[in-house]
C-alpha atoms as a PDB file:
ATOM      1  CA  MET A   1     115.742 203.347 163.364  1.00  0.00           C
ATOM      2  CA  SER A   2     114.579 201.790 166.642  1.00  0.00           C
ATOM      3  CA  LYS A   3     116.425 198.753 168.020  1.00  0.00           C
ATOM      4  CA  GLY A   4     113.294 196.619 167.682  1.00  0.00           C
ATOM      5  CA  LEU A   5     112.703 197.577 164.054  1.00  0.00           C
ATOM      6  CA  ALA A   6     116.373 197.035 163.208  1.00  0.00           C
ATOM      7  CA  LYS A   7     116.233 193.597 164.862  1.00  0.00           C
ATOM      8  CA  ILE A   8     113.166 192.385 162.992  1.00  0.00           C
ATOM      9  CA  ILE A   9     114.526 193.644 159.656  1.00  0.00           C
ATOM     10  CA  ASP A  10     117.750 191.762 160.391  1.00  0.00           C
ATOM     11  CA  VAL A  11     115.717 188.595 161.087  1.00  0.00           C
ATOM     12  CA  ILE A  12     113.834 188.965 157.788  1.00  0.00           C
ATOM     13  CA  THR A  13     117.070 189.577 155.869  1.00  0.00           C
ATOM     14  CA  THR A  14     118.556 186.422 157.395  1.00  0.00           C
ATOM     15  CA  LEU A  15     115.465 184.322 156.697  1.00  0.00           C
ATOM     16  CA  LEU A  16     115.520 185.340 153.045  1.00  0.00           C
ATOM     17  CA  GLY A  17     119.307 185.159 152.709  1.00  0.00           C
ATOM     18  CA  PRO A  18     121.440 182.357 151.193  1.00  0.00           C
ATOM     19  CA  ASN A  19     121.372 180.300 154.404  1.00  0.00           C
ATOM     20  CA  GLY A  20     117.808 181.267 155.303  1.00  0.00           C
ATOM     21  CA  CYS A  21     114.552 179.363 155.522  1.00  0.00           C
ATOM     22  CA  PRO A  22     113.494 177.453 152.358  1.00  0.00           C
ATOM     23  CA  TRP A  23     109.815 178.089 153.110  1.00  0.00           C
ATOM     24  CA  ASP A  24     110.238 181.837 153.654  1.00  0.00           C
ATOM     25  CA  LYS A  25     112.306 182.159 150.479  1.00  0.00           C
ATOM     26  CA  GLN A  26     109.438 180.655 148.466  1.00  0.00           C
ATOM     27  CA  GLN A  27     106.934 183.260 149.632  1.00  0.00           C
ATOM     28  CA  THR A  28     105.638 186.161 147.571  1.00  0.00           C
ATOM     29  CA  PRO A  29     103.395 189.092 148.577  1.00  0.00           C
ATOM     30  CA  GLN A  30     100.530 187.153 147.005  1.00  0.00           C
ATOM     31  CA  THR A  31     101.133 183.927 148.962  1.00  0.00           C
ATOM     32  CA  LEU A  32     101.302 185.900 152.219  1.00  0.00           C
ATOM     33  CA  CYS A  33      97.841 187.480 151.799  1.00  0.00           C
ATOM     34  CA  ASP A  34      95.934 184.687 153.550  1.00  0.00           C
ATOM     35  CA  TYR A  35      98.417 184.686 156.440  1.00  0.00           C
ATOM     36  CA  LEU A  36      98.069 188.463 156.805  1.00  0.00           C
ATOM     37  CA  ILE A  37      94.272 188.201 156.959  1.00  0.00           C
ATOM     38  CA  GLU A  38      94.506 185.403 159.538  1.00  0.00           C
ATOM     39  CA  GLU A  39      96.956 187.353 161.718  1.00  0.00           C
ATOM     40  CA  CYS A  40      94.763 190.462 161.543  1.00  0.00           C
ATOM     41  CA  PHE A  41      91.785 188.460 162.758  1.00  0.00           C
ATOM     42  CA  GLU A  42      93.891 187.056 165.600  1.00  0.00           C
ATOM     43  CA  LEU A  43      94.924 190.594 166.532  1.00  0.00           C
ATOM     44  CA  VAL A  44      91.310 191.757 166.536  1.00  0.00           C
ATOM     45  CA  GLU A  45      90.359 188.802 168.746  1.00  0.00           C
ATOM     46  CA  ALA A  46      93.119 189.666 171.217  1.00  0.00           C
ATOM     47  CA  ILE A  47      92.055 193.327 171.295  1.00  0.00           C
ATOM     48  CA  GLN A  48      88.415 192.419 171.865  1.00  0.00           C
ATOM     49  CA  ALA A  49      89.432 190.077 174.685  1.00  0.00           C
ATOM     50  CA  ASN A  50      91.623 192.884 176.103  1.00  0.00           C
ATOM     51  CA  GLU A  51      94.459 190.421 176.664  1.00  0.00           C
ATOM     52  CA  ILE A  52      97.429 192.786 176.559  1.00  0.00           C
ATOM     53  CA  GLU A  53     100.139 190.131 176.235  1.00  0.00           C
ATOM     54  CA  ASP A  54      98.210 188.531 173.366  1.00  0.00           C
ATOM     55  CA  VAL A  55      97.752 191.954 171.759  1.00  0.00           C
ATOM     56  CA  LYS A  56     101.521 192.524 171.902  1.00  0.00           C
ATOM     57  CA  GLU A  57     102.201 189.126 170.365  1.00  0.00           C
ATOM     58  CA  GLU A  58      99.637 189.503 167.587  1.00  0.00           C
ATOM     59  CA  LEU A  59     100.790 193.047 166.798  1.00  0.00           C
ATOM     60  CA  GLY A  60     104.283 191.601 166.389  1.00  0.00           C
ATOM     61  CA  ASP A  61     103.003 188.922 164.012  1.00  0.00           C
ATOM     62  CA  VAL A  62     101.184 191.513 161.879  1.00  0.00           C
ATOM     63  CA  PHE A  63     104.221 193.835 161.845  1.00  0.00           C
ATOM     64  CA  PHE A  64     106.428 190.908 160.842  1.00  0.00           C
ATOM     65  CA  LEU A  65     104.253 190.060 157.852  1.00  0.00           C
ATOM     66  CA  LEU A  66     103.944 193.701 156.780  1.00  0.00           C
ATOM     67  CA  LEU A  67     107.713 194.177 156.930  1.00  0.00           C
ATOM     68  CA  LEU A  68     108.257 190.869 155.136  1.00  0.00           C
ATOM     69  CA  ILE A  69     105.932 191.989 152.337  1.00  0.00           C
ATOM     70  CA  ILE A  70     107.749 195.323 152.080  1.00  0.00           C
ATOM     71  CA  HIS A  71     111.055 193.448 151.859  1.00  0.00           C
ATOM     72  CA  LEU A  72     109.701 191.263 149.063  1.00  0.00           C
ATOM     73  CA  TYR A  73     108.766 194.466 147.227  1.00  0.00           C
ATOM     74  CA  GLN A  74     112.214 195.939 147.937  1.00  0.00           C
ATOM     75  CA  ASP A  75     112.864 196.843 144.285  1.00  0.00           C
ATOM     76  CA  LYS A  76     109.631 198.867 144.166  1.00  0.00           C
ATOM     77  CA  ILE A  77     108.791 199.880 147.759  1.00  0.00           C
ATOM     78  CA  ASN A  78     110.704 200.892 150.862  1.00  0.00           C
ATOM     79  CA  LEU A  79     109.472 201.442 154.410  1.00  0.00           C
ATOM     80  CA  ASP A  80     110.330 205.149 154.573  1.00  0.00           C
ATOM     81  CA  GLU A  81     108.438 205.781 151.346  1.00  0.00           C
ATOM     82  CA  VAL A  82     105.357 204.011 152.719  1.00  0.00           C
ATOM     83  CA  LEU A  83     105.420 205.888 156.030  1.00  0.00           C
ATOM     84  CA  ILE A  84     106.108 209.321 154.493  1.00  0.00           C
ATOM     85  CA  GLN A  85     103.329 208.832 151.940  1.00  0.00           C
ATOM     86  CA  THR A  86     100.879 207.730 154.636  1.00  0.00           C
ATOM     87  CA  ALA A  87     101.812 210.649 156.895  1.00  0.00           C
ATOM     88  CA  ALA A  88     101.229 213.076 154.029  1.00  0.00           C
ATOM     89  CA  LYS A  89      97.871 211.483 153.271  1.00  0.00           C
ATOM     90  CA  MET A  90      96.735 211.676 156.909  1.00  0.00           C
ATOM     91  CA  ILE A  91      97.813 215.326 157.143  1.00  0.00           C
ATOM     92  CA  GLY A  92      95.834 216.098 153.994  1.00  0.00           C
ATOM     93  CA  ARG A  93      92.756 214.323 155.298  1.00  0.00           C
ATOM     94  CA  HIS A  94      92.821 216.189 158.627  1.00  0.00           C
ATOM     95  CA  PRO A  95      92.590 219.874 157.626  1.00  0.00           C
ATOM     96  CA  HIS A  96      90.812 220.544 160.943  1.00  0.00           C
ATOM     97  CA  VAL A  97      94.034 219.547 162.724  1.00  0.00           C
ATOM     98  CA  PHE A  98      96.856 220.452 160.340  1.00  0.00           C
ATOM     99  CA  GLY A  99      95.120 223.218 158.379  1.00  0.00           C
ATOM    100  CA  ASP A 100      92.816 226.158 158.952  1.00  0.00           C
ATOM    101  CA  LYS A 101      89.495 224.311 158.550  1.00  0.00           C
ATOM    102  CA  LYS A 102      88.738 224.139 162.274  1.00  0.00           C
ATOM    103  CA  THR A 103      85.745 222.082 163.443  1.00  0.00           C
ATOM    104  CA  GLU A 104      84.775 219.793 166.318  1.00  0.00           C
ATOM    105  CA  ASP A 105      81.724 218.367 164.532  1.00  0.00           C
ATOM    106  CA  ILE A 106      82.326 214.642 163.876  1.00  0.00           C
ATOM    107  CA  ASN A 107      79.808 214.476 161.016  1.00  0.00           C
ATOM    108  CA  GLU A 108      81.491 217.410 159.283  1.00  0.00           C
ATOM    109  CA  ILE A 109      84.905 215.800 159.805  1.00  0.00           C
ATOM    110  CA  LEU A 110      83.709 212.541 158.222  1.00  0.00           C
ATOM    111  CA  ALA A 111      82.046 214.381 155.340  1.00  0.00           C
ATOM    112  CA  ASN A 112      85.281 216.302 154.681  1.00  0.00           C
ATOM    113  CA  TRP A 113      87.210 213.018 154.813  1.00  0.00           C
ATOM    114  CA  GLU A 114      85.048 211.589 152.008  1.00  0.00           C
ATOM    115  CA  LYS A 115      85.337 214.769 149.927  1.00  0.00           C
ATOM    116  CA  ILE A 116      89.122 214.713 150.230  1.00  0.00           C
ATOM    117  CA  LYS A 117      89.264 211.019 149.319  1.00  0.00           C
ATOM    118  CA  LYS A 118      87.075 211.728 146.283  1.00  0.00           C
ATOM    119  CA  GLN A 119      89.438 214.511 145.201  1.00  0.00           C
ATOM    120  CA  GLU A 120      92.367 212.123 145.593  1.00  0.00           C
ATOM    121  CA  LEU A 121      90.631 209.569 143.381  1.00  0.00           C
ATOM    122  CA  GLN A 122      89.894 212.165 140.708  1.00  0.00           C
ATOM    123  CA  LYS A 123      93.629 212.851 140.397  1.00  0.00           C
ATOM    124  CA  LYS A 124      94.253 209.230 139.456  1.00  0.00           C
ATOM    125  CA  SER A 125      94.235 207.980 135.891  1.00  0.00           C
ATOM    126  CA  LYS A 126      90.703 206.614 135.707  1.00  0.00           C
ATOM    127  CA  PRO A 127      87.380 207.615 137.302  1.00  0.00           C
ATOM    128  CA  ARG A 128      86.555 205.631 140.422  1.00  0.00           C
ATOM    129  CA  SER A 129      83.522 205.133 142.603  1.00  0.00           C
ATOM    130  CA  ILE A 130      83.537 206.319 146.215  1.00  0.00           C
ATOM    131  CA  PHE A 131      83.047 202.661 147.117  1.00  0.00           C
ATOM    132  CA  ASP A 132      86.211 201.465 145.356  1.00  0.00           C
ATOM    133  CA  SER A 133      88.255 202.015 148.519  1.00  0.00           C
ATOM    134  CA  ILE A 134      86.250 199.288 150.278  1.00  0.00           C
ATOM    135  CA  PRO A 135      88.211 196.011 150.053  1.00  0.00           C
ATOM    136  CA  LYS A 136      86.466 193.512 147.797  1.00  0.00           C
ATOM    137  CA  ASN A 137      87.168 190.634 150.200  1.00  0.00           C
ATOM    138  CA  LEU A 138      85.958 192.423 153.327  1.00  0.00           C
ATOM    139  CA  PRO A 139      83.543 190.171 155.298  1.00  0.00           C
ATOM    140  CA  PRO A 140      79.952 190.936 154.171  1.00  0.00           C
ATOM    141  CA  LEU A 141      78.733 192.404 157.468  1.00  0.00           C
ATOM    142  CA  LEU A 142      81.708 194.775 157.700  1.00  0.00           C
ATOM    143  CA  LYS A 143      81.303 195.612 154.019  1.00  0.00           C
ATOM    144  CA  ALA A 144      77.603 196.441 154.430  1.00  0.00           C
ATOM    145  CA  TYR A 145      78.466 198.802 157.290  1.00  0.00           C
ATOM    146  CA  ARG A 146      81.160 200.545 155.234  1.00  0.00           C
ATOM    147  CA  ILE A 147      78.832 200.874 152.215  1.00  0.00           C
ATOM    148  CA  ASN A 148      76.067 202.407 154.314  1.00  0.00           C
ATOM    149  CA  SER A 149      78.549 204.696 156.069  1.00  0.00           C
ATOM    150  CA  LYS A 150      80.002 205.992 152.817  1.00  0.00           C
ATOM    151  CA  ALA A 151      76.549 206.423 151.280  1.00  0.00           C
ATOM    152  CA  ALA A 152      75.447 208.446 154.317  1.00  0.00           C
ATOM    153  CA  ARG A 153      78.491 210.717 154.032  1.00  0.00           C
ATOM    154  CA  SER A 154      77.331 211.470 150.490  1.00  0.00           C
ATOM    155  CA  ASN A 155      73.852 212.255 151.934  1.00  0.00           C
ATOM    156  CA  PHE A 156      72.384 209.178 150.204  1.00  0.00           C
ATOM    157  CA  THR A 157      70.430 207.773 153.119  1.00  0.00           C
ATOM    158  CA  TRP A 158      67.058 208.118 154.796  1.00  0.00           C
ATOM    159  CA  PRO A 159      66.353 211.644 156.084  1.00  0.00           C
ATOM    160  CA  ASP A 160      65.517 210.470 159.608  1.00  0.00           C
ATOM    161  CA  ASN A 161      65.360 207.373 161.793  1.00  0.00           C
ATOM    162  CA  ALA A 162      61.593 207.066 161.460  1.00  0.00           C
ATOM    163  CA  SER A 163      61.892 206.787 157.663  1.00  0.00           C
ATOM    164  CA  GLN A 164      64.588 204.175 157.992  1.00  0.00           C
ATOM    165  CA  GLU A 165      62.537 202.186 160.497  1.00  0.00           C
ATOM    166  CA  GLN A 166      59.641 202.228 158.026  1.00  0.00           C
ATOM    167  CA  LYS A 167      61.959 200.855 155.329  1.00  0.00           C
ATOM    168  CA  LEU A 168      63.121 198.159 157.738  1.00  0.00           C
ATOM    169  CA  GLU A 169      59.495 197.105 158.266  1.00  0.00           C
ATOM    170  CA  GLU A 170      58.958 197.030 154.489  1.00  0.00           C
ATOM    171  CA  GLU A 171      61.981 194.791 154.010  1.00  0.00           C
ATOM    172  CA  TRP A 172      60.723 192.427 156.727  1.00  0.00           C
ATOM    173  CA  LYS A 173      57.316 192.170 155.015  1.00  0.00           C
ATOM    174  CA  GLU A 174      59.027 191.396 151.705  1.00  0.00           C
ATOM    175  CA  TRP A 175      61.000 188.643 153.442  1.00  0.00           C
ATOM    176  CA  LEU A 176      57.777 187.170 154.876  1.00  0.00           C
ATOM    177  CA  GLU A 177      56.173 187.247 151.431  1.00  0.00           C
ATOM    178  CA  ALA A 178      59.132 185.445 149.887  1.00  0.00           C
ATOM    179  CA  LYS A 179      59.048 182.868 152.705  1.00  0.00           C
ATOM    180  CA  ALA A 180      55.336 182.309 152.135  1.00  0.00           C
ATOM    181  CA  GLN A 181      56.038 181.619 148.465  1.00  0.00           C
ATOM    182  CA  ASN A 182      58.765 179.140 149.480  1.00  0.00           C
ATOM    183  CA  ASP A 183      61.101 180.474 146.801  1.00  0.00           C
ATOM    184  CA  PRO A 184      64.679 179.814 148.052  1.00  0.00           C
ATOM    185  CA  LYS A 185      66.317 182.289 145.678  1.00  0.00           C
ATOM    186  CA  GLN A 186      63.857 185.063 146.498  1.00  0.00           C
ATOM    187  CA  MET A 187      64.084 184.270 150.211  1.00  0.00           C
ATOM    188  CA  GLU A 188      67.855 184.630 150.121  1.00  0.00           C
ATOM    189  CA  GLU A 189      67.610 187.946 148.266  1.00  0.00           C
ATOM    190  CA  GLU A 190      64.998 189.434 150.600  1.00  0.00           C
ATOM    191  CA  PHE A 191      66.816 188.237 153.702  1.00  0.00           C
ATOM    192  CA  GLY A 192      69.978 189.892 152.373  1.00  0.00           C
ATOM    193  CA  ASP A 193      68.059 193.138 151.799  1.00  0.00           C
ATOM    194  CA  TYR A 194      66.760 193.007 155.356  1.00  0.00           C
ATOM    195  CA  LEU A 195      70.237 192.422 156.808  1.00  0.00           C
ATOM    196  CA  PHE A 196      71.631 195.289 154.727  1.00  0.00           C
ATOM    197  CA  CYS A 197      68.892 197.604 155.973  1.00  0.00           C
ATOM    198  CA  LEU A 198      69.344 196.370 159.555  1.00  0.00           C
ATOM    199  CA  THR A 199      73.053 197.174 159.288  1.00  0.00           C
ATOM    200  CA  GLU A 200      72.186 200.769 158.435  1.00  0.00           C
ATOM    201  CA  TYR A 201      69.744 200.823 161.378  1.00  0.00           C
ATOM    202  CA  ALA A 202      72.614 199.824 163.678  1.00  0.00           C
ATOM    203  CA  ARG A 203      74.954 202.430 162.184  1.00  0.00           C
ATOM    204  CA  ARG A 204      72.424 205.207 162.695  1.00  0.00           C
ATOM    205  CA  HIS A 205      72.275 204.305 166.386  1.00  0.00           C
ATOM    206  CA  GLY A 206      76.032 204.261 166.873  1.00  0.00           C
ATOM    207  CA  ILE A 207      76.287 200.467 166.848  1.00  0.00           C
ATOM    208  CA  LYS A 208      78.824 198.519 164.817  1.00  0.00           C
ATOM    209  CA  PRO A 209      76.896 195.364 163.898  1.00  0.00           C
ATOM    210  CA  ASN A 210      80.012 193.244 163.480  1.00  0.00           C
ATOM    211  CA  THR A 211      81.062 194.051 167.056  1.00  0.00           C
ATOM    212  CA  ALA A 212      77.540 193.547 168.360  1.00  0.00           C
ATOM    213  CA  LEU A 213      77.277 190.168 166.645  1.00  0.00           C
ATOM    214  CA  HIS A 214      80.701 189.149 167.947  1.00  0.00           C
ATOM    215  CA  GLN A 215      79.589 189.961 171.507  1.00  0.00           C
ATOM    216  CA  ALA A 216      76.362 187.982 170.992  1.00  0.00           C
ATOM    217  CA  ASN A 217      78.384 185.021 169.705  1.00  0.00           C
ATOM    218  CA  GLN A 218      80.727 185.154 172.685  1.00  0.00           C
ATOM    219  CA  LYS A 219      77.821 185.445 175.121  1.00  0.00           C
ATOM    220  CA  PHE A 220      76.098 182.409 173.601  1.00  0.00           C
ATOM    221  CA  LEU A 221      79.281 180.328 173.628  1.00  0.00           C
ATOM    222  CA  ALA A 222      80.055 181.235 177.253  1.00  0.00           C
ATOM    223  CA  ARG A 223      76.537 180.334 178.390  1.00  0.00           C
ATOM    224  CA  PHE A 224      76.507 177.097 176.417  1.00  0.00           C
ATOM    225  CA  LYS A 225      79.808 176.107 178.006  1.00  0.00           C
ATOM    226  CA  ILE A 226      78.199 176.612 181.434  1.00  0.00           C
ATOM    227  CA  MET A 227      75.272 174.505 180.213  1.00  0.00           C
ATOM    228  CA  GLU A 228      77.667 171.701 179.323  1.00  0.00           C
ATOM    229  CA  GLU A 229      79.307 171.924 182.753  1.00  0.00           C
ATOM    230  CA  LEU A 230      75.916 171.853 184.476  1.00  0.00           C
ATOM    231  CA  ALA A 231      74.888 168.795 182.484  1.00  0.00           C
ATOM    232  CA  GLN A 232      78.131 167.043 183.344  1.00  0.00           C
ATOM    233  CA  ASN A 233      77.731 167.832 187.049  1.00  0.00           C
ATOM    234  CA  LYS A 234      74.203 166.405 186.946  1.00  0.00           C
ATOM    235  CA  ASN A 235      75.270 163.321 184.957  1.00  0.00           C
ATOM    236  CA  LEU A 236      73.081 164.407 182.042  1.00  0.00           C
ATOM    237  CA  ASP A 237      73.738 163.838 178.357  1.00  0.00           C
ATOM    238  CA  LEU A 238      72.827 166.970 176.401  1.00  0.00           C
ATOM    239  CA  ASP A 239      72.178 164.922 173.263  1.00  0.00           C
ATOM    240  CA  ASN A 240      69.442 162.963 175.038  1.00  0.00           C
ATOM    241  CA  LEU A 241      67.607 165.899 176.627  1.00  0.00           C
ATOM    242  CA  ASN A 242      64.375 167.312 175.254  1.00  0.00           C
ATOM    243  CA  LEU A 243      63.896 171.000 174.503  1.00  0.00           C
ATOM    244  CA  ASN A 244      62.257 171.769 177.849  1.00  0.00           C
ATOM    245  CA  GLN A 245      65.157 170.203 179.742  1.00  0.00           C
ATOM    246  CA  LEU A 246      67.664 172.084 177.585  1.00  0.00           C
ATOM    247  CA  ASN A 247      65.835 175.358 178.201  1.00  0.00           C
ATOM    248  CA  GLN A 248      65.936 174.746 181.966  1.00  0.00           C
ATOM    249  CA  LEU A 249      69.699 174.252 181.817  1.00  0.00           C
ATOM    250  CA  TRP A 250      69.993 177.351 179.618  1.00  0.00           C
ATOM    251  CA  GLU A 251      68.140 179.478 182.179  1.00  0.00           C
ATOM    252  CA  GLU A 252      70.415 178.188 184.940  1.00  0.00           C
ATOM    253  CA  ALA A 253      73.442 178.981 182.782  1.00  0.00           C
ATOM    254  CA  LYS A 254      72.140 182.505 182.159  1.00  0.00           C
ATOM    255  CA  GLN A 255      71.797 183.168 185.867  1.00  0.00           C
ATOM    256  CA  ILE A 256      75.298 181.835 186.573  1.00  0.00           C
ATOM    257  CA  ALA A 257      76.754 183.923 183.730  1.00  0.00           C
ATOM    258  CA  LYS A 258      75.043 187.071 185.030  1.00  0.00           C
ATOM    259  CA  SER A 259      76.282 186.365 188.547  1.00  0.00           C
ATOM    260  CA  ASN A 260      79.843 185.849 187.269  1.00  0.00           C
ATOM    261  CA  GLN A 261      79.622 189.092 185.309  1.00  0.00           C
ATOM    262  CA  LYS A 262      78.552 191.038 188.410  1.00  0.00           C
ATOM    263  CA  LYS A 263      81.489 189.603 190.334  1.00  0.00           C
ATOM    264  CA  GLY A 264      83.795 190.655 187.502  1.00  0.00           C
ATOM    265  CA  ASP A 265      82.373 194.179 187.513  1.00  0.00           C
END
């Protein structure tokens, strides 16, 4: 066992021991779920920002919670068992690396991955859908991407991009029709269908929509912050500006942001 792993396990044992932390000793795997989700999001944010020190810190927080959960399951689960089982699963799912099924084709590798997962599910006690491995609480945009990806690996998707683009146009027309009828429930349904179809459009072009949307969010927030700074420098109150004035500030902010990006590059 590494010195770092031994140290963190010792910390957890102390926290949960007789003279440990009252709060930690009240926790269960179930009560830690929300904290684990939060820490995972913080880790993702650090990775996307490429802040290495933050990545190290957030990785540590996630590892701590995972090891704490394993400790709380100590009568049923141990770390070696988890790691050995996962290693065996990864070896089984990579026959092109560990077996004799050699291929460099990514699509074939992904298709084989789904076939192997399906075989694994069939060995379990009850029949399961190929979509059962998708977490139920996964954020909707990520979930839509995973659903479309798994469906495509089972060849249940449009035969070509042109067909999918046609379907995207159909979904947009259905949204416009629902909007024209001013039916809130129907509008919500059709807009959801369009987003689902748009997610597949992104996937087919090698784009992860969740990442793309995150980048768009960050770009907007960065530009708006520059807008606020410009307004402050000009002694302007954003709340009292009309749309034309706001748009002028926005255009200035865009140019400054682009200039800053070029300097960074």
